[in-house]
Amino acid sequence: QAMQSLANVEDSLQRLLTALLLGGGT
């Protein structure tokens, strides 16, 4: 059984979403 947390993925996607929202709105 190989396991890995998706924390880094979620963090990267959250930062990308924030950048898109702020950048797009600006």
PDB file of all heavy atoms in Angstrom:
ATOM      1  N   GLN A   1       0.862  -1.193   0.000  1.00  0.00           N
ATOM      2  CA  GLN A   1       0.000   0.000   0.000  1.00  0.00           C
ATOM      3  C   GLN A   1       0.892   1.236   0.000  1.00  0.00           C
ATOM      4  O   GLN A   1       1.645   1.483   0.934  1.00  0.00           O
ATOM      5  CB  GLN A   1      -0.910  -0.011   1.216  1.00  0.00           C
ATOM      6  CG  GLN A   1      -1.903   1.149   1.253  1.00  0.00           C
ATOM      7  CD  GLN A   1      -2.902   0.979   2.388  1.00  0.00           C
ATOM      8  OE1 GLN A   1      -3.629  -0.023   2.460  1.00  0.00           O
ATOM      9  NE2 GLN A   1      -2.911   1.927   3.294  1.00  0.00           N
ATOM     10  N   ALA A   2       0.797   2.033  -1.084  1.00  0.00           N
ATOM     11  CA  ALA A   2       1.552   3.288  -1.191  1.00  0.00           C
ATOM     12  C   ALA A   2       0.589   4.444  -0.954  1.00  0.00           C
ATOM     13  O   ALA A   2      -0.498   4.497  -1.530  1.00  0.00           O
ATOM     14  CB  ALA A   2       2.202   3.399  -2.565  1.00  0.00           C
ATOM     15  N   MET A   3       1.009   5.361  -0.063  1.00  0.00           N
ATOM     16  CA  MET A   3       0.124   6.465   0.322  1.00  0.00           C
ATOM     17  C   MET A   3       0.890   7.795   0.255  1.00  0.00           C
ATOM     18  O   MET A   3       2.091   7.837   0.519  1.00  0.00           O
ATOM     19  CB  MET A   3      -0.406   6.251   1.748  1.00  0.00           C
ATOM     20  CG  MET A   3      -1.066   4.903   1.978  1.00  0.00           C
ATOM     21  SD  MET A   3      -1.357   4.589   3.730  1.00  0.00           S
ATOM     22  CE  MET A   3      -2.490   5.910   4.121  1.00  0.00           C
ATOM     23  N   GLN A   4       0.171   8.816  -0.098  1.00  0.00           N
ATOM     24  CA  GLN A   4       0.780  10.154  -0.087  1.00  0.00           C
ATOM     25  C   GLN A   4      -0.303  11.196   0.150  1.00  0.00           C
ATOM     26  O   GLN A   4      -1.393  11.118  -0.430  1.00  0.00           O
ATOM     27  CB  GLN A   4       1.516  10.473  -1.396  1.00  0.00           C
ATOM     28  CG  GLN A   4       2.267  11.808  -1.345  1.00  0.00           C
ATOM     29  CD  GLN A   4       3.237  11.965  -2.502  1.00  0.00           C
ATOM     30  OE1 GLN A   4       3.381  11.053  -3.309  1.00  0.00           O
ATOM     31  NE2 GLN A   4       3.906  13.081  -2.570  1.00  0.00           N
ATOM     32  N   SER A   5       0.007  12.150   1.008  1.00  0.00           N
ATOM     33  CA  SER A   5      -0.938  13.228   1.294  1.00  0.00           C
ATOM     34  C   SER A   5      -1.061  14.158   0.076  1.00  0.00           C
ATOM     35  O   SER A   5      -0.090  14.392  -0.648  1.00  0.00           O
ATOM     36  CB  SER A   5      -0.467  14.035   2.503  1.00  0.00           C
ATOM     37  OG  SER A   5      -1.273  15.182   2.685  1.00  0.00           O
ATOM     38  N   LEU A   6      -2.264  14.655  -0.136  1.00  0.00           N
ATOM     39  CA  LEU A   6      -2.517  15.594  -1.239  1.00  0.00           C
ATOM     40  C   LEU A   6      -2.381  17.050  -0.777  1.00  0.00           C
ATOM     41  O   LEU A   6      -2.864  17.969  -1.452  1.00  0.00           O
ATOM     42  CB  LEU A   6      -3.909  15.367  -1.816  1.00  0.00           C
ATOM     43  CG  LEU A   6      -4.138  14.003  -2.492  1.00  0.00           C
ATOM     44  CD1 LEU A   6      -5.582  13.898  -2.979  1.00  0.00           C
ATOM     45  CD2 LEU A   6      -3.178  13.807  -3.651  1.00  0.00           C
ATOM     46  N   ALA A   7      -1.695  17.242   0.368  1.00  0.00           N
ATOM     47  CA  ALA A   7      -1.561  18.602   0.908  1.00  0.00           C
ATOM     48  C   ALA A   7      -0.846  19.525  -0.065  1.00  0.00           C
ATOM     49  O   ALA A   7      -1.265  20.672  -0.293  1.00  0.00           O
ATOM     50  CB  ALA A   7      -0.823  18.552   2.245  1.00  0.00           C
ATOM     51  N   ASN A   8       0.269  19.020  -0.643  1.00  0.00           N
ATOM     52  CA  ASN A   8       1.018  19.875  -1.574  1.00  0.00           C
ATOM     53  C   ASN A   8       0.197  20.207  -2.809  1.00  0.00           C
ATOM     54  O   ASN A   8       0.245  21.329  -3.321  1.00  0.00           O
ATOM     55  CB  ASN A   8       2.318  19.177  -1.977  1.00  0.00           C
ATOM     56  CG  ASN A   8       3.306  19.105  -0.825  1.00  0.00           C
ATOM     57  OD1 ASN A   8       3.245  19.912   0.103  1.00  0.00           O
ATOM     58  ND2 ASN A   8       4.213  18.128  -0.878  1.00  0.00           N
ATOM     59  N   VAL A   9      -0.554  19.201  -3.275  1.00  0.00           N
ATOM     60  CA  VAL A   9      -1.406  19.443  -4.452  1.00  0.00           C
ATOM     61  C   VAL A   9      -2.474  20.475  -4.143  1.00  0.00           C
ATOM     62  O   VAL A   9      -2.699  21.438  -4.897  1.00  0.00           O
ATOM     63  CB  VAL A   9      -2.045  18.125  -4.928  1.00  0.00           C
ATOM     64  CG1 VAL A   9      -3.056  18.398  -6.049  1.00  0.00           C
ATOM     65  CG2 VAL A   9      -0.969  17.161  -5.389  1.00  0.00           C
ATOM     66  N   GLU A  10      -3.145  20.279  -3.004  1.00  0.00           N
ATOM     67  CA  GLU A  10      -4.195  21.223  -2.630  1.00  0.00           C
ATOM     68  C   GLU A  10      -3.629  22.612  -2.403  1.00  0.00           C
ATOM     69  O   GLU A  10      -4.243  23.631  -2.774  1.00  0.00           O
ATOM     70  CB  GLU A  10      -4.911  20.738  -1.363  1.00  0.00           C
ATOM     71  CG  GLU A  10      -5.650  19.415  -1.525  1.00  0.00           C
ATOM     72  CD  GLU A  10      -6.799  19.537  -2.516  1.00  0.00           C
ATOM     73  OE1 GLU A  10      -7.375  20.641  -2.628  1.00  0.00           O
ATOM     74  OE2 GLU A  10      -7.115  18.536  -3.182  1.00  0.00           O
ATOM     75  N   ASP A  11      -2.442  22.671  -1.805  1.00  0.00           N
ATOM     76  CA  ASP A  11      -1.818  23.974  -1.559  1.00  0.00           C
ATOM     77  C   ASP A  11      -1.466  24.663  -2.867  1.00  0.00           C
ATOM     78  O   ASP A  11      -1.696  25.864  -3.036  1.00  0.00           O
ATOM     79  CB  ASP A  11      -0.566  23.784  -0.690  1.00  0.00           C
ATOM     80  CG  ASP A  11       0.085  25.124  -0.357  1.00  0.00           C
ATOM     81  OD1 ASP A  11      -0.577  25.970   0.287  1.00  0.00           O
ATOM     82  OD2 ASP A  11       1.253  25.329  -0.763  1.00  0.00           O
ATOM     83  N   SER A  12      -0.888  23.899  -3.793  1.00  0.00           N
ATOM     84  CA  SER A  12      -0.538  24.483  -5.100  1.00  0.00           C
ATOM     85  C   SER A  12      -1.772  24.964  -5.843  1.00  0.00           C
ATOM     86  O   SER A  12      -1.787  26.066  -6.426  1.00  0.00           O
ATOM     87  CB  SER A  12       0.211  23.442  -5.945  1.00  0.00           C
ATOM     88  OG  SER A  12       1.426  23.077  -5.335  1.00  0.00           O
ATOM     89  N   LEU A  13      -2.815  24.169  -5.826  1.00  0.00           N
ATOM     90  CA  LEU A  13      -4.047  24.556  -6.513  1.00  0.00           C
ATOM     91  C   LEU A  13      -4.695  25.763  -5.840  1.00  0.00           C
ATOM     92  O   LEU A  13      -5.261  26.644  -6.518  1.00  0.00           O
ATOM     93  CB  LEU A  13      -5.026  23.385  -6.540  1.00  0.00           C
ATOM     94  CG  LEU A  13      -4.603  22.187  -7.393  1.00  0.00           C
ATOM     95  CD1 LEU A  13      -5.626  21.053  -7.270  1.00  0.00           C
ATOM     96  CD2 LEU A  13      -4.446  22.590  -8.861  1.00  0.00           C
ATOM     97  N   GLN A  14      -4.616  25.814  -4.493  1.00  0.00           N
ATOM     98  CA  GLN A  14      -5.197  26.955  -3.784  1.00  0.00           C
ATOM     99  C   GLN A  14      -4.453  28.234  -4.119  1.00  0.00           C
ATOM    100  O   GLN A  14      -5.058  29.291  -4.342  1.00  0.00           O
ATOM    101  CB  GLN A  14      -5.171  26.697  -2.280  1.00  0.00           C
ATOM    102  CG  GLN A  14      -5.858  27.767  -1.449  1.00  0.00           C
ATOM    103  CD  GLN A  14      -7.344  27.898  -1.788  1.00  0.00           C
ATOM    104  OE1 GLN A  14      -8.027  26.893  -1.986  1.00  0.00           O
ATOM    105  NE2 GLN A  14      -7.828  29.126  -1.863  1.00  0.00           N
ATOM    106  N   ARG A  15      -3.106  28.130  -4.170  1.00  0.00           N
ATOM    107  CA  ARG A  15      -2.320  29.332  -4.524  1.00  0.00           C
ATOM    108  C   ARG A  15      -2.586  29.756  -5.964  1.00  0.00           C
ATOM    109  O   ARG A  15      -2.657  30.944  -6.267  1.00  0.00           O
ATOM    110  CB  ARG A  15      -0.837  29.051  -4.302  1.00  0.00           C
ATOM    111  CG  ARG A  15      -0.444  29.107  -2.817  1.00  0.00           C
ATOM    112  CD  ARG A  15       1.056  29.041  -2.585  1.00  0.00           C
ATOM    113  NE  ARG A  15       1.527  27.661  -2.655  1.00  0.00           N
ATOM    114  CZ  ARG A  15       2.336  27.176  -3.586  1.00  0.00           C
ATOM    115  NH1 ARG A  15       2.766  27.974  -4.551  1.00  0.00           N
ATOM    116  NH2 ARG A  15       2.743  25.923  -3.559  1.00  0.00           N
ATOM    117  N   LEU A  16      -2.736  28.770  -6.838  1.00  0.00           N
ATOM    118  CA  LEU A  16      -3.063  29.104  -8.230  1.00  0.00           C
ATOM    119  C   LEU A  16      -4.433  29.765  -8.327  1.00  0.00           C
ATOM    120  O   LEU A  16      -4.609  30.771  -9.044  1.00  0.00           O
ATOM    121  CB  LEU A  16      -3.040  27.836  -9.092  1.00  0.00           C
ATOM    122  CG  LEU A  16      -3.492  28.023 -10.550  1.00  0.00           C
ATOM    123  CD1 LEU A  16      -2.550  28.967 -11.290  1.00  0.00           C
ATOM    124  CD2 LEU A  16      -3.574  26.679 -11.276  1.00  0.00           C
ATOM    125  N   LEU A  17      -5.409  29.223  -7.602  1.00  0.00           N
ATOM    126  CA  LEU A  17      -6.751  29.804  -7.624  1.00  0.00           C
ATOM    127  C   LEU A  17      -6.739  31.226  -7.084  1.00  0.00           C
ATOM    128  O   LEU A  17      -7.386  32.129  -7.660  1.00  0.00           O
ATOM    129  CB  LEU A  17      -7.694  28.926  -6.800  1.00  0.00           C
ATOM    130  CG  LEU A  17      -9.155  29.370  -6.756  1.00  0.00           C
ATOM    131  CD1 LEU A  17      -9.761  29.380  -8.159  1.00  0.00           C
ATOM    132  CD2 LEU A  17      -9.966  28.468  -5.833  1.00  0.00           C
ATOM    133  N   THR A  18      -6.006  31.436  -6.004  1.00  0.00           N
ATOM    134  CA  THR A  18      -5.908  32.793  -5.447  1.00  0.00           C
ATOM    135  C   THR A  18      -5.275  33.754  -6.451  1.00  0.00           C
ATOM    136  O   THR A  18      -5.743  34.886  -6.639  1.00  0.00           O
ATOM    137  CB  THR A  18      -5.076  32.765  -4.152  1.00  0.00           C
ATOM    138  OG1 THR A  18      -5.689  31.871  -3.218  1.00  0.00           O
ATOM    139  CG2 THR A  18      -4.983  34.152  -3.542  1.00  0.00           C
ATOM    140  N   ALA A  19      -4.195  33.283  -7.095  1.00  0.00           N
ATOM    141  CA  ALA A  19      -3.526  34.140  -8.090  1.00  0.00           C
ATOM    142  C   ALA A  19      -4.453  34.456  -9.257  1.00  0.00           C
ATOM    143  O   ALA A  19      -4.498  35.593  -9.745  1.00  0.00           O
ATOM    144  CB  ALA A  19      -2.260  33.446  -8.588  1.00  0.00           C
ATOM    145  N   LEU A  20      -5.212  33.452  -9.691  1.00  0.00           N
ATOM    146  CA  LEU A  20      -6.137  33.682 -10.812  1.00  0.00           C
ATOM    147  C   LEU A  20      -7.237  34.659 -10.427  1.00  0.00           C
ATOM    148  O   LEU A  20      -7.598  35.558 -11.212  1.00  0.00           O
ATOM    149  CB  LEU A  20      -6.751  32.355 -11.260  1.00  0.00           C
ATOM    150  CG  LEU A  20      -5.801  31.384 -11.980  1.00  0.00           C
ATOM    151  CD1 LEU A  20      -6.508  30.057 -12.241  1.00  0.00           C
ATOM    152  CD2 LEU A  20      -5.305  31.977 -13.296  1.00  0.00           C
ATOM    153  N   LEU A  21      -7.789  34.495  -9.223  1.00  0.00           N
ATOM    154  CA  LEU A  21      -8.869  35.393  -8.809  1.00  0.00           C
ATOM    155  C   LEU A  21      -8.376  36.823  -8.629  1.00  0.00           C
ATOM    156  O   LEU A  21      -8.993  37.774  -9.123  1.00  0.00           O
ATOM    157  CB  LEU A  21      -9.497  34.882  -7.507  1.00  0.00           C
ATOM    158  CG  LEU A  21     -10.290  33.573  -7.608  1.00  0.00           C
ATOM    159  CD1 LEU A  21     -10.767  33.131  -6.230  1.00  0.00           C
ATOM    160  CD2 LEU A  21     -11.473  33.751  -8.550  1.00  0.00           C
ATOM    161  N   LEU A  22      -7.249  36.961  -7.911  1.00  0.00           N
ATOM    162  CA  LEU A  22      -6.719  38.313  -7.705  1.00  0.00           C
ATOM    163  C   LEU A  22      -6.249  38.933  -9.013  1.00  0.00           C
ATOM    164  O   LEU A  22      -6.543  40.093  -9.317  1.00  0.00           O
ATOM    165  CB  LEU A  22      -5.575  38.264  -6.687  1.00  0.00           C
ATOM    166  CG  LEU A  22      -5.958  37.932  -5.238  1.00  0.00           C
ATOM    167  CD1 LEU A  22      -4.722  37.860  -4.361  1.00  0.00           C
ATOM    168  CD2 LEU A  22      -6.924  38.984  -4.692  1.00  0.00           C
ATOM    169  N   GLY A  23      -5.482  38.138  -9.778  1.00  0.00           N
ATOM    170  CA  GLY A  23      -4.972  38.664 -11.046  1.00  0.00           C
ATOM    171  C   GLY A  23      -6.084  38.972 -12.025  1.00  0.00           C
ATOM    172  O   GLY A  23      -6.094  40.023 -12.671  1.00  0.00           O
ATOM    173  N   GLY A  24      -7.057  38.036 -12.139  1.00  0.00           N
ATOM    174  CA  GLY A  24      -8.165  38.264 -13.062  1.00  0.00           C
ATOM    175  C   GLY A  24      -9.004  39.456 -12.666  1.00  0.00           C
ATOM    176  O   GLY A  24      -9.379  40.281 -13.513  1.00  0.00           O
ATOM    177  N   GLY A  25      -9.296  39.564 -11.352  1.00  0.00           N
ATOM    178  CA  GLY A  25     -10.082  40.715 -10.899  1.00  0.00           C
ATOM    179  C   GLY A  25      -9.356  42.026 -11.120  1.00  0.00           C
ATOM    180  O   GLY A  25      -9.947  43.010 -11.609  1.00  0.00           O
ATOM    181  N   THR A  26      -8.051  42.031 -10.784  1.00  0.00           N
ATOM    182  CA  THR A  26      -7.266  43.265 -10.967  1.00  0.00           C
ATOM    183  C   THR A  26      -7.177  43.650 -12.436  1.00  0.00           C
ATOM    184  O   THR A  26      -7.364  44.816 -12.802  1.00  0.00           O
ATOM    185  CB  THR A  26      -5.856  43.082 -10.384  1.00  0.00           C
ATOM    186  OG1 THR A  26      -5.958  42.724  -9.004  1.00  0.00           O
ATOM    187  CG2 THR A  26      -5.047  44.359 -10.531  1.00  0.00           C
TER     188      THR A  26
END
